[in-house]
Amino acid sequence: MSKKFARSATYFCGSMEWILQSENDLQPVMPELLRAIGNRRVMALYGDLGAGKTTLVKALCRFLGVK
């Protein structure tokens, strides 16, 4: 089920930035995000309440096949 974002969400990773309009827009950027993360095992996510941090982590886990 796709939720509508209350507003667009902006994600930064190093010098990359994604502005997404819906949760479905996350899946296509996952390969690029994983390449940017590289071998890092720890990430820090910052943002206001409702900014999309949990949504980003859930999309990443789905992409990686975490059940």
PDB file of N, CA and C in Angstrom:
ATOM      1  N   MET A   1       0.842  -1.184   0.000  1.00  0.00           N
ATOM      2  CA  MET A   1       0.000   0.000   0.000  1.00  0.00           C
ATOM      3  C   MET A   1       0.883   1.242   0.000  1.00  0.00           C
ATOM      4  N   SER A   2       0.628   2.141  -0.875  1.00  0.00           N
ATOM      5  CA  SER A   2       1.423   3.354  -0.992  1.00  0.00           C
ATOM      6  C   SER A   2       0.776   4.484  -0.215  1.00  0.00           C
ATOM      7  N   LYS A   3       1.573   5.134   0.613  1.00  0.00           N
ATOM      8  CA  LYS A   3       1.088   6.296   1.336  1.00  0.00           C
ATOM      9  C   LYS A   3       1.504   7.541   0.578  1.00  0.00           C
ATOM     10  N   LYS A   4       0.709   8.564   0.635  1.00  0.00           N
ATOM     11  CA  LYS A   4       1.092   9.849   0.064  1.00  0.00           C
ATOM     12  C   LYS A   4       1.927  10.583   1.104  1.00  0.00           C
ATOM     13  N   PHE A   5       3.010  11.199   0.677  1.00  0.00           N
ATOM     14  CA  PHE A   5       3.793  12.018   1.590  1.00  0.00           C
ATOM     15  C   PHE A   5       3.010  13.288   1.850  1.00  0.00           C
ATOM     16  N   ALA A   6       3.067  13.760   3.088  1.00  0.00           N
ATOM     17  CA  ALA A   6       2.408  15.016   3.403  1.00  0.00           C
ATOM     18  C   ALA A   6       3.046  16.152   2.598  1.00  0.00           C
ATOM     19  N   ARG A   7       4.318  16.028   2.375  1.00  0.00           N
ATOM     20  CA  ARG A   7       5.058  16.949   1.513  1.00  0.00           C
ATOM     21  C   ARG A   7       6.179  16.131   0.907  1.00  0.00           C
ATOM     22  N   SER A   8       6.896  16.688  -0.003  1.00  0.00           N
ATOM     23  CA  SER A   8       7.995  15.918  -0.582  1.00  0.00           C
ATOM     24  C   SER A   8       9.066  15.693   0.481  1.00  0.00           C
ATOM     25  N   ALA A   9       9.789  14.605   0.362  1.00  0.00           N
ATOM     26  CA  ALA A   9      10.875  14.299   1.282  1.00  0.00           C
ATOM     27  C   ALA A   9      12.186  14.476   0.541  1.00  0.00           C
ATOM     28  N   THR A  10      13.143  15.072   1.205  1.00  0.00           N
ATOM     29  CA  THR A  10      14.455  15.280   0.614  1.00  0.00           C
ATOM     30  C   THR A  10      15.453  14.436   1.378  1.00  0.00           C
ATOM     31  N   TYR A  11      16.241  13.652   0.667  1.00  0.00           N
ATOM     32  CA  TYR A  11      17.258  12.813   1.267  1.00  0.00           C
ATOM     33  C   TYR A  11      18.618  13.221   0.718  1.00  0.00           C
ATOM     34  N   PHE A  12      19.590  13.364   1.611  1.00  0.00           N
ATOM     35  CA  PHE A  12      20.953  13.697   1.225  1.00  0.00           C
ATOM     36  C   PHE A  12      21.853  12.525   1.548  1.00  0.00           C
ATOM     37  N   CYS A  13      22.804  12.241   0.692  1.00  0.00           N
ATOM     38  CA  CYS A  13      23.812  11.224   0.954  1.00  0.00           C
ATOM     39  C   CYS A  13      25.107  11.755   0.355  1.00  0.00           C
ATOM     40  N   GLY A  14      25.956  12.284   1.199  1.00  0.00           N
ATOM     41  CA  GLY A  14      27.159  12.918   0.670  1.00  0.00           C
ATOM     42  C   GLY A  14      26.752  14.108  -0.169  1.00  0.00           C
ATOM     43  N   SER A  15      27.113  14.087  -1.431  1.00  0.00           N
ATOM     44  CA  SER A  15      26.758  15.203  -2.299  1.00  0.00           C
ATOM     45  C   SER A  15      25.511  14.901  -3.126  1.00  0.00           C
ATOM     46  N   MET A  16      24.855  13.770  -2.852  1.00  0.00           N
ATOM     47  CA  MET A  16      23.642  13.417  -3.592  1.00  0.00           C
ATOM     48  C   MET A  16      22.405  13.891  -2.853  1.00  0.00           C
ATOM     49  N   GLU A  17      21.397  14.222  -3.609  1.00  0.00           N
ATOM     50  CA  GLU A  17      20.124  14.652  -3.020  1.00  0.00           C
ATOM     51  C   GLU A  17      18.996  14.075  -3.857  1.00  0.00           C
ATOM     52  N   TRP A  18      17.991  13.544  -3.173  1.00  0.00           N
ATOM     53  CA  TRP A  18      16.796  13.047  -3.841  1.00  0.00           C
ATOM     54  C   TRP A  18      15.601  13.768  -3.256  1.00  0.00           C
ATOM     55  N   ILE A  19      14.738  14.286  -4.106  1.00  0.00           N
ATOM     56  CA  ILE A  19      13.475  14.873  -3.663  1.00  0.00           C
ATOM     57  C   ILE A  19      12.385  13.976  -4.210  1.00  0.00           C
ATOM     58  N   LEU A  20      11.660  13.336  -3.306  1.00  0.00           N
ATOM     59  CA  LEU A  20      10.692  12.312  -3.685  1.00  0.00           C
ATOM     60  C   LEU A  20       9.289  12.751  -3.325  1.00  0.00           C
ATOM     61  N   GLN A  21       8.348  12.372  -4.164  1.00  0.00           N
ATOM     62  CA  GLN A  21       6.954  12.751  -3.957  1.00  0.00           C
ATOM     63  C   GLN A  21       6.129  11.641  -3.318  1.00  0.00           C
ATOM     64  N   SER A  22       6.600  10.399  -3.399  1.00  0.00           N
ATOM     65  CA  SER A  22       5.844   9.295  -2.818  1.00  0.00           C
ATOM     66  C   SER A  22       6.800   8.207  -2.352  1.00  0.00           C
ATOM     67  N   GLU A  23       6.305   7.330  -1.540  1.00  0.00           N
ATOM     68  CA  GLU A  23       7.088   6.213  -1.027  1.00  0.00           C
ATOM     69  C   GLU A  23       7.570   5.318  -2.172  1.00  0.00           C
ATOM     70  N   ASN A  24       6.775   5.198  -3.214  1.00  0.00           N
ATOM     71  CA  ASN A  24       7.156   4.375  -4.370  1.00  0.00           C
ATOM     72  C   ASN A  24       8.394   4.899  -5.078  1.00  0.00           C
ATOM     73  N   ASP A  25       8.678   6.186  -4.935  1.00  0.00           N
ATOM     74  CA  ASP A  25       9.849   6.780  -5.571  1.00  0.00           C
ATOM     75  C   ASP A  25      11.158   6.339  -4.922  1.00  0.00           C
ATOM     76  N   LEU A  26      11.085   5.714  -3.748  1.00  0.00           N
ATOM     77  CA  LEU A  26      12.294   5.292  -3.040  1.00  0.00           C
ATOM     78  C   LEU A  26      12.985   4.104  -3.703  1.00  0.00           C
ATOM     79  N   GLN A  27      12.228   3.142  -4.189  1.00  0.00           N
ATOM     80  CA  GLN A  27      12.816   1.911  -4.726  1.00  0.00           C
ATOM     81  C   GLN A  27      13.828   2.161  -5.848  1.00  0.00           C
ATOM     82  N   PRO A  28      13.541   3.027  -6.807  1.00  0.00           N
ATOM     83  CA  PRO A  28      14.506   3.232  -7.882  1.00  0.00           C
ATOM     84  C   PRO A  28      15.840   3.848  -7.430  1.00  0.00           C
ATOM     85  N   VAL A  29      15.859   4.559  -6.304  1.00  0.00           N
ATOM     86  CA  VAL A  29      17.112   5.179  -5.861  1.00  0.00           C
ATOM     87  C   VAL A  29      17.931   4.278  -4.935  1.00  0.00           C
ATOM     88  N   MET A  30      17.384   3.124  -4.541  1.00  0.00           N
ATOM     89  CA  MET A  30      18.089   2.238  -3.609  1.00  0.00           C
ATOM     90  C   MET A  30      19.453   1.763  -4.133  1.00  0.00           C
ATOM     91  N   PRO A  31      19.584   1.335  -5.401  1.00  0.00           N
ATOM     92  CA  PRO A  31      20.918   0.918  -5.870  1.00  0.00           C
ATOM     93  C   PRO A  31      21.947   2.051  -5.772  1.00  0.00           C
ATOM     94  N   GLU A  32      21.528   3.259  -6.122  1.00  0.00           N
ATOM     95  CA  GLU A  32      22.435   4.411  -6.044  1.00  0.00           C
ATOM     96  C   GLU A  32      22.804   4.720  -4.598  1.00  0.00           C
ATOM     97  N   LEU A  33      21.832   4.622  -3.702  1.00  0.00           N
ATOM     98  CA  LEU A  33      22.084   4.848  -2.281  1.00  0.00           C
ATOM     99  C   LEU A  33      23.065   3.813  -1.736  1.00  0.00           C
ATOM    100  N   LEU A  34      22.876   2.563  -2.089  1.00  0.00           N
ATOM    101  CA  LEU A  34      23.782   1.511  -1.612  1.00  0.00           C
ATOM    102  C   LEU A  34      25.200   1.709  -2.142  1.00  0.00           C
ATOM    103  N   ARG A  35      25.328   2.150  -3.382  1.00  0.00           N
ATOM    104  CA  ARG A  35      26.661   2.446  -3.915  1.00  0.00           C
ATOM    105  C   ARG A  35      27.306   3.581  -3.129  1.00  0.00           C
ATOM    106  N   ALA A  36      26.518   4.592  -2.776  1.00  0.00           N
ATOM    107  CA  ALA A  36      27.044   5.738  -2.028  1.00  0.00           C
ATOM    108  C   ALA A  36      27.444   5.336  -0.610  1.00  0.00           C
ATOM    109  N   ILE A  37      26.692   4.430  -0.004  1.00  0.00           N
ATOM    110  CA  ILE A  37      26.997   3.969   1.350  1.00  0.00           C
ATOM    111  C   ILE A  37      28.287   3.152   1.341  1.00  0.00           C
ATOM    112  N   GLY A  38      28.479   2.383   0.288  1.00  0.00           N
ATOM    113  CA  GLY A  38      29.698   1.576   0.176  1.00  0.00           C
ATOM    114  C   GLY A  38      29.799   0.548   1.289  1.00  0.00           C
ATOM    115  N   ASN A  39      30.953   0.469   1.903  1.00  0.00           N
ATOM    116  CA  ASN A  39      31.196  -0.514   2.970  1.00  0.00           C
ATOM    117  C   ASN A  39      30.834  -0.007   4.356  1.00  0.00           C
ATOM    118  N   ARG A  40      30.282   1.170   4.455  1.00  0.00           N
ATOM    119  CA  ARG A  40      29.923   1.711   5.770  1.00  0.00           C
ATOM    120  C   ARG A  40      28.859   0.824   6.421  1.00  0.00           C
ATOM    121  N   ARG A  41      28.968   0.658   7.694  1.00  0.00           N
ATOM    122  CA  ARG A  41      28.003  -0.165   8.425  1.00  0.00           C
ATOM    123  C   ARG A  41      27.138   0.649   9.383  1.00  0.00           C
ATOM    124  N   VAL A  42      27.486   1.908   9.572  1.00  0.00           N
ATOM    125  CA  VAL A  42      26.725   2.768  10.477  1.00  0.00           C
ATOM    126  C   VAL A  42      26.338   4.029   9.716  1.00  0.00           C
ATOM    127  N   MET A  43      25.068   4.378   9.824  1.00  0.00           N
ATOM    128  CA  MET A  43      24.574   5.608   9.212  1.00  0.00           C
ATOM    129  C   MET A  43      23.815   6.382  10.270  1.00  0.00           C
ATOM    130  N   ALA A  44      23.833   7.688  10.156  1.00  0.00           N
ATOM    131  CA  ALA A  44      23.045   8.552  11.035  1.00  0.00           C
ATOM    132  C   ALA A  44      21.978   9.230  10.189  1.00  0.00           C
ATOM    133  N   LEU A  45      20.748   9.143  10.636  1.00  0.00           N
ATOM    134  CA  LEU A  45      19.637   9.793   9.942  1.00  0.00           C
ATOM    135  C   LEU A  45      19.120  10.921  10.823  1.00  0.00           C
ATOM    136  N   TYR A  46      19.057  12.093  10.263  1.00  0.00           N
ATOM    137  CA  TYR A  46      18.578  13.262  10.986  1.00  0.00           C
ATOM    138  C   TYR A  46      17.375  13.825  10.262  1.00  0.00           C
ATOM    139  N   GLY A  47      16.432  14.342  11.017  1.00  0.00           N
ATOM    140  CA  GLY A  47      15.282  14.988  10.396  1.00  0.00           C
ATOM    141  C   GLY A  47      14.179  15.210  11.397  1.00  0.00           C
ATOM    142  N   ASP A  48      13.308  16.102  11.046  1.00  0.00           N
ATOM    143  CA  ASP A  48      12.145  16.391  11.881  1.00  0.00           C
ATOM    144  C   ASP A  48      11.229  15.185  11.956  1.00  0.00           C
ATOM    145  N   LEU A  49      10.356  15.190  12.931  1.00  0.00           N
ATOM    146  CA  LEU A  49       9.331  14.173  13.053  1.00  0.00           C
ATOM    147  C   LEU A  49       8.499  14.170  11.777  1.00  0.00           C
ATOM    148  N   GLY A  50       8.350  12.997  11.171  1.00  0.00           N
ATOM    149  CA  GLY A  50       7.569  12.893   9.943  1.00  0.00           C
ATOM    150  C   GLY A  50       8.348  13.203   8.677  1.00  0.00           C
ATOM    151  N   ALA A  51       9.663  13.355   8.795  1.00  0.00           N
ATOM    152  CA  ALA A  51      10.486  13.703   7.626  1.00  0.00           C
ATOM    153  C   ALA A  51      10.691  12.531   6.678  1.00  0.00           C
ATOM    154  N   GLY A  52      10.507  11.289   7.166  1.00  0.00           N
ATOM    155  CA  GLY A  52      10.648  10.126   6.295  1.00  0.00           C
ATOM    156  C   GLY A  52      11.820   9.221   6.631  1.00  0.00           C
ATOM    157  N   LYS A  53      12.416   9.389   7.803  1.00  0.00           N
ATOM    158  CA  LYS A  53      13.563   8.557   8.193  1.00  0.00           C
ATOM    159  C   LYS A  53      13.181   7.086   8.269  1.00  0.00           C
ATOM    160  N   THR A  54      12.113   6.768   8.947  1.00  0.00           N
ATOM    161  CA  THR A  54      11.673   5.378   9.075  1.00  0.00           C
ATOM    162  C   THR A  54      11.237   4.829   7.731  1.00  0.00           C
ATOM    163  N   THR A  55      10.583   5.631   6.929  1.00  0.00           N
ATOM    164  CA  THR A  55      10.160   5.213   5.594  1.00  0.00           C
ATOM    165  C   THR A  55      11.371   4.857   4.741  1.00  0.00           C
ATOM    166  N   LEU A  56      12.437   5.649   4.843  1.00  0.00           N
ATOM    167  CA  LEU A  56      13.659   5.362   4.100  1.00  0.00           C
ATOM    168  C   LEU A  56      14.274   4.044   4.547  1.00  0.00           C
ATOM    169  N   VAL A  57      14.354   3.819   5.850  1.00  0.00           N
ATOM    170  CA  VAL A  57      14.939   2.575   6.371  1.00  0.00           C
ATOM    171  C   VAL A  57      14.093   1.373   5.969  1.00  0.00           C
ATOM    172  N   LYS A  58      12.780   1.488   6.036  1.00  0.00           N
ATOM    173  CA  LYS A  58      11.903   0.383   5.625  1.00  0.00           C
ATOM    174  C   LYS A  58      12.088   0.063   4.150  1.00  0.00           C
ATOM    175  N   ALA A  59      12.197   1.091   3.312  1.00  0.00           N
ATOM    176  CA  ALA A  59      12.395   0.865   1.871  1.00  0.00           C
ATOM    177  C   ALA A  59      13.745   0.196   1.621  1.00  0.00           C
ATOM    178  N   LEU A  60      14.768   0.600   2.343  1.00  0.00           N
ATOM    179  CA  LEU A  60      16.093   0.004   2.198  1.00  0.00           C
ATOM    180  C   LEU A  60      16.057  -1.472   2.610  1.00  0.00           C
ATOM    181  N   CYS A  61      15.390  -1.766   3.718  1.00  0.00           N
ATOM    182  CA  CYS A  61      15.273  -3.157   4.172  1.00  0.00           C
ATOM    183  C   CYS A  61      14.509  -4.007   3.173  1.00  0.00           C
ATOM    184  N   ARG A  62      13.414  -3.462   2.619  1.00  0.00           N
ATOM    185  CA  ARG A  62      12.649  -4.199   1.593  1.00  0.00           C
ATOM    186  C   ARG A  62      13.532  -4.493   0.394  1.00  0.00           C
ATOM    187  N   PHE A  63      14.292  -3.514  -0.034  1.00  0.00           N
ATOM    188  CA  PHE A  63      15.169  -3.662  -1.192  1.00  0.00           C
ATOM    189  C   PHE A  63      16.218  -4.755  -0.943  1.00  0.00           C
ATOM    190  N   LEU A  64      16.713  -4.820   0.299  1.00  0.00           N
ATOM    191  CA  LEU A  64      17.732  -5.813   0.657  1.00  0.00           C
ATOM    192  C   LEU A  64      17.150  -7.175   0.970  1.00  0.00           C
ATOM    193  N   GLY A  65      15.817  -7.278   1.008  1.00  0.00           N
ATOM    194  CA  GLY A  65      15.168  -8.554   1.260  1.00  0.00           C
ATOM    195  C   GLY A  65      15.041  -8.924   2.722  1.00  0.00           C
ATOM    196  N   VAL A  66      15.137  -7.941   3.602  1.00  0.00           N
ATOM    197  CA  VAL A  66      14.978  -8.198   5.043  1.00  0.00           C
ATOM    198  C   VAL A  66      13.513  -8.473   5.310  1.00  0.00           C
ATOM    199  N   LYS A  67      13.242  -9.546   6.043  1.00  0.00           N
ATOM    200  CA  LYS A  67      11.858  -9.907   6.367  1.00  0.00           C
ATOM    201  C   LYS A  67      11.520  -9.490   7.779  1.00  0.00           C
TER     202      LYS A  67
END
